[in-house]
């Protein structure tokens, strides 16, 4: 069923945010809801939590919100997401996973999974989103990347490679879509205080913080604010990899 027709949205802007059940994605959903966007939110796990959160956003900000359980790294599941969307103004590719360990000890399945969720997902969602944006001759695609996509990180080779791919994907697609007034940018995050970094011990976190000129980890809400600002930026800004890292890199 078409989400837009079902919800009788009207002419409000519509944003799709993947990986919206926690961390940066959750903060981004709230920022866009507060700004008056109607939302389609996805997660691969924690669907009951996401559905409850979506209802809270609808009640608080008087917007329409649909929560869906879907693996962004699965082509068919992404296709299912878009089967209920007839128009789209903003796509935020936030779904992502990490892997810490020696490359020599990483299995092919682990490598493939990182690439599917972090990089292939951008292809799947953009392939479906672009025709919707072409209908209006406008749109914003924002891919969530990492400083490691530029610098690389020891013990995170697959993650770094996937985010480096996201950066190249962003720059190339921006050139391809610029004549159609569709902007493509990426946000390269530094160390953000989310559950993705729960794998680090307090001592390891402190060692990382000591390397950051801002002397702290970033907040998900700060990244969300930048994502919203990027969605509202002048259309001449495209193909950019925008770092938010406290001056780290």
Protein backbone atom coordinates (compact mmCIF):
# COMPACT_ATOMS: atom_id res chain seq x y z
CA UNK A 1 0.00 0.00 0.00
CA UNK A 2 1.23 3.49 -0.84
CA UNK A 3 2.32 5.07 2.44
CA UNK A 4 1.70 8.59 1.13
CA UNK A 5 -1.86 7.92 -0.01
CA UNK A 6 -2.63 5.94 3.12
CA UNK A 7 -1.43 8.75 5.36
CA UNK A 8 -2.89 11.63 3.33
CA UNK A 9 0.31 13.53 3.80
CA UNK A 10 -0.47 16.40 1.44
CA UNK A 11 2.46 18.49 0.29
CA UNK A 12 4.87 18.11 3.19
CA UNK A 13 8.42 17.00 2.43
CA UNK A 14 9.21 13.32 2.83
CA UNK A 15 12.46 11.84 4.16
CA UNK A 16 13.57 8.22 4.26
CA UNK A 17 16.12 7.42 6.97
CA UNK A 18 17.69 3.97 7.21
CA UNK A 19 19.09 2.60 10.46
CA UNK A 20 16.79 4.88 12.46
CA UNK A 21 16.24 2.87 15.62
CA UNK A 22 19.26 4.16 17.53
CA UNK A 23 22.22 6.53 17.57
CA UNK A 24 22.66 8.92 14.67
CA UNK A 25 19.65 7.60 12.76
CA UNK A 26 17.30 8.06 15.69
CA UNK A 27 18.55 11.58 16.38
CA UNK A 28 18.22 12.39 12.69
CA UNK A 29 14.62 11.18 12.62
CA UNK A 30 13.74 13.51 15.47
CA UNK A 31 15.51 16.46 13.82
CA UNK A 32 13.62 15.97 10.57
CA UNK A 33 10.31 15.44 12.37
CA UNK A 34 10.84 18.68 14.28
CA UNK A 35 11.53 20.40 10.95
CA UNK A 36 8.16 19.21 9.62
CA UNK A 37 9.19 16.30 7.40
CA UNK A 38 7.03 13.21 7.07
CA UNK A 39 9.15 10.14 7.64
CA UNK A 40 9.78 6.60 6.54
CA UNK A 41 12.13 4.97 9.06
CA UNK A 42 13.81 1.59 8.77
CA UNK A 43 15.82 -0.76 10.96
CA UNK A 44 17.00 -4.33 10.62
CA UNK A 45 16.42 -5.12 14.29
CA UNK A 46 14.53 -3.46 17.17
CA UNK A 47 11.38 -2.98 15.10
CA UNK A 48 9.01 -2.73 18.12
CA UNK A 49 11.20 0.04 19.51
CA UNK A 50 11.28 1.86 16.15
CA UNK A 51 7.51 1.58 15.74
CA UNK A 52 6.96 3.04 19.21
CA UNK A 53 9.45 5.82 18.51
CA UNK A 54 7.74 6.62 15.21
CA UNK A 55 4.42 6.94 16.98
CA UNK A 56 5.95 9.30 19.52
CA UNK A 57 7.35 11.49 16.73
CA UNK A 58 3.94 11.59 15.04
CA UNK A 59 2.21 12.67 18.23
CA UNK A 60 4.85 15.20 19.26
CA UNK A 61 5.46 16.92 15.93
CA UNK A 62 2.16 16.22 14.13
CA UNK A 63 3.83 14.52 11.18
CA UNK A 64 3.22 11.18 9.50
CA UNK A 65 5.72 8.45 10.22
CA UNK A 66 5.94 4.89 9.03
CA UNK A 67 8.37 2.42 10.63
CA UNK A 68 9.54 -0.60 8.64
CA UNK A 69 11.74 -3.56 9.43
CA UNK A 70 14.14 -4.06 6.55
CA UNK A 71 17.74 -5.06 5.98
CA UNK A 72 19.24 -2.20 3.96
CA UNK A 73 21.90 -4.59 2.68
CA UNK A 74 19.30 -6.85 1.08
CA UNK A 75 18.16 -5.81 -2.41
CA UNK A 76 14.67 -7.32 -2.16
CA UNK A 77 13.97 -5.83 1.25
CA UNK A 78 14.93 -2.37 -0.02
CA UNK A 79 12.63 -2.94 -2.99
CA UNK A 80 9.84 -3.68 -0.52
CA UNK A 81 10.48 -0.39 1.28
CA UNK A 82 10.03 1.61 -1.90
CA UNK A 83 6.92 -0.27 -2.97
CA UNK A 84 5.05 1.95 -0.49
CA UNK A 85 6.65 5.28 -1.45
CA UNK A 86 5.43 7.39 -4.37
CA UNK A 87 7.48 10.52 -3.73
CA UNK A 88 10.65 11.37 -1.83
CA UNK A 89 12.54 14.57 -1.07
CA UNK A 90 15.42 13.36 1.12
CA UNK A 91 17.21 10.02 1.43
CA UNK A 92 19.55 9.53 4.40
CA UNK A 93 21.65 6.37 4.04
CA UNK A 94 22.56 5.84 7.68
CA UNK A 95 22.41 2.05 8.07
CA UNK A 96 25.83 0.74 8.98
CA UNK A 97 27.77 -1.83 10.96
CA UNK A 98 31.38 -2.07 12.11
CA UNK A 99 33.92 -4.86 12.51
CA UNK A 100 37.07 -4.69 14.59
CA UNK A 101 39.77 -7.30 14.15
CA UNK A 102 42.73 -8.37 12.06
CA UNK A 103 42.00 -8.64 8.36
CA UNK A 104 43.83 -11.99 8.27
CA UNK A 105 41.30 -13.37 10.75
CA UNK A 106 38.21 -11.99 9.02
CA UNK A 107 35.95 -14.42 7.21
CA UNK A 108 34.66 -13.84 3.70
CA UNK A 109 31.13 -13.78 5.10
CA UNK A 110 32.04 -11.02 7.57
CA UNK A 111 33.66 -8.99 4.78
CA UNK A 112 30.65 -9.42 2.50
CA UNK A 113 28.24 -8.42 5.28
CA UNK A 114 30.11 -5.18 5.99
CA UNK A 115 30.09 -4.28 2.30
CA UNK A 116 26.40 -5.18 1.91
CA UNK A 117 25.16 -3.04 4.80
CA UNK A 118 27.57 -0.11 4.46
CA UNK A 119 28.03 0.21 0.70
CA UNK A 120 25.65 -1.98 -1.30
CA UNK A 121 22.74 -0.44 0.62
CA UNK A 122 23.55 2.97 -0.89
CA UNK A 123 23.24 1.49 -4.37
CA UNK A 124 19.95 -0.26 -3.56
CA UNK A 125 18.28 2.78 -2.02
CA UNK A 126 19.57 5.30 -4.56
CA UNK A 127 18.49 3.16 -7.48
CA UNK A 128 14.92 3.36 -6.21
CA UNK A 129 15.04 6.93 -4.90
CA UNK A 130 16.41 8.60 -8.02
CA UNK A 131 13.33 8.02 -10.23
CA UNK A 132 11.12 9.50 -7.50
CA UNK A 133 13.34 12.58 -7.26
CA UNK A 134 13.51 12.96 -11.03
CA UNK A 135 9.74 13.35 -11.08
CA UNK A 136 10.13 16.66 -9.21
CA UNK A 137 13.54 17.55 -10.66
CA UNK A 138 14.87 17.92 -7.11
CA UNK A 139 16.12 15.87 -4.19
CA UNK A 140 18.80 15.38 -1.57
CA UNK A 141 20.78 12.20 -0.97
CA UNK A 142 22.94 12.17 2.16
CA UNK A 143 25.24 9.22 2.85
CA UNK A 144 26.66 8.71 6.33
CA UNK A 145 30.37 7.98 6.08
CA UNK A 146 33.34 8.07 8.46
CA UNK A 147 36.69 9.78 8.81
CA UNK A 148 38.12 6.28 8.34
CA UNK A 149 36.84 6.39 4.77
CA UNK A 150 39.53 8.99 4.13
CA UNK A 151 42.28 8.04 6.60
CA UNK A 152 41.81 4.31 7.12
CA UNK A 153 41.94 2.60 10.52
CA UNK A 154 44.07 -0.28 11.71
CA UNK A 155 41.94 -3.28 12.75
CA UNK A 156 39.01 -1.79 10.77
CA UNK A 157 40.09 -2.46 7.21
CA UNK A 158 36.71 -3.65 5.94
CA UNK A 159 34.85 -0.78 7.61
CA UNK A 160 37.36 1.75 6.24
CA UNK A 161 37.12 0.26 2.76
CA UNK A 162 33.33 0.35 2.81
CA UNK A 163 33.28 4.00 3.87
CA UNK A 164 35.93 4.89 1.30
CA UNK A 165 33.58 3.33 -1.21
CA UNK A 166 30.72 5.44 0.10
CA UNK A 167 32.82 8.57 -0.42
CA UNK A 168 33.67 7.67 -4.02
CA UNK A 169 30.05 6.66 -4.64
CA UNK A 170 28.91 10.04 -3.32
CA UNK A 171 31.27 12.09 -5.50
CA UNK A 172 30.51 10.13 -8.66
CA UNK A 173 26.72 10.09 -8.20
CA UNK A 174 26.74 13.82 -7.41
CA UNK A 175 28.25 14.50 -10.84
CA UNK A 176 25.77 12.17 -12.51
CA UNK A 177 22.73 13.81 -10.88
CA UNK A 178 23.79 17.46 -10.82
CA UNK A 179 22.08 18.24 -14.17
CA UNK A 180 18.83 16.90 -12.66
CA UNK A 181 19.03 19.21 -9.61
CA UNK A 182 19.57 16.29 -7.22
CA UNK A 183 22.36 16.83 -4.70
CA UNK A 184 24.46 14.03 -3.22
CA UNK A 185 26.70 14.64 -0.20
CA UNK A 186 28.23 12.58 2.60
CA UNK A 187 28.80 13.24 6.28
CA UNK A 188 32.12 11.80 7.51
CA UNK A 189 31.73 11.21 11.23
CA UNK A 190 34.51 11.03 13.77
CA UNK A 191 34.02 9.31 17.11
CA UNK A 192 30.35 9.75 18.00
CA UNK A 193 28.93 8.64 21.34
CA UNK A 194 26.71 5.79 20.12
CA UNK A 195 26.29 2.11 20.87
CA UNK A 196 28.52 1.30 17.88
CA UNK A 197 31.45 2.34 20.07
CA UNK A 198 30.37 0.19 23.01
CA UNK A 199 33.03 -2.31 21.98
CA UNK A 200 35.71 0.04 23.34
CA UNK A 201 36.71 -0.05 27.00
CA UNK A 202 36.59 3.19 29.05
CA UNK A 203 40.38 3.33 28.80
CA UNK A 204 40.31 2.97 25.02
CA UNK A 205 37.65 5.65 24.72
CA UNK A 206 39.71 8.00 26.86
CA UNK A 207 42.76 7.39 24.69
CA UNK A 208 40.73 8.28 21.62
CA UNK A 209 39.32 11.42 23.24
CA UNK A 210 42.83 12.59 24.07
CA UNK A 211 43.57 12.63 20.32
CA UNK A 212 40.57 14.86 19.55
CA UNK A 213 41.15 18.63 19.78
CA UNK A 214 37.55 19.16 20.98
CA UNK A 215 38.42 16.84 23.93
CA UNK A 216 35.20 14.81 23.70
CA UNK A 217 33.19 12.48 21.53
CA UNK A 218 30.54 13.97 19.27
CA UNK A 219 26.85 13.71 20.06
CA UNK A 220 24.34 12.01 17.74
CA UNK A 221 22.25 15.18 17.90
CA UNK A 222 25.16 17.20 16.48
CA UNK A 223 25.44 14.89 13.51
CA UNK A 224 21.66 15.00 13.05
CA UNK A 225 21.77 18.79 12.98
CA UNK A 226 24.43 18.71 10.26
CA UNK A 227 22.43 16.17 8.23
CA UNK A 228 19.35 18.41 8.39
CA UNK A 229 21.42 21.45 7.41
CA UNK A 230 22.83 19.52 4.47
CA UNK A 231 19.31 18.60 3.37
CA UNK A 232 18.43 22.30 3.45
CA UNK A 233 21.68 23.55 1.87
CA UNK A 234 21.77 25.49 -1.40
CA UNK A 235 21.56 23.19 -4.43
CA UNK A 236 25.01 24.26 -5.63
CA UNK A 237 26.52 22.25 -2.77
CA UNK A 238 26.95 18.72 -4.03
CA UNK A 239 29.63 16.02 -4.14
CA UNK A 240 31.03 17.02 -0.75
CA UNK A 241 32.42 14.80 2.02
CA UNK A 242 31.71 16.91 5.10
CA UNK A 243 33.64 15.96 8.24
CA UNK A 244 32.25 16.32 11.75
CA UNK A 245 35.02 15.10 14.03
CA UNK A 246 35.97 17.78 16.57
CA UNK A 247 39.07 18.67 14.55
CA UNK A 248 40.44 15.13 14.75
CA UNK A 249 41.31 14.60 11.06
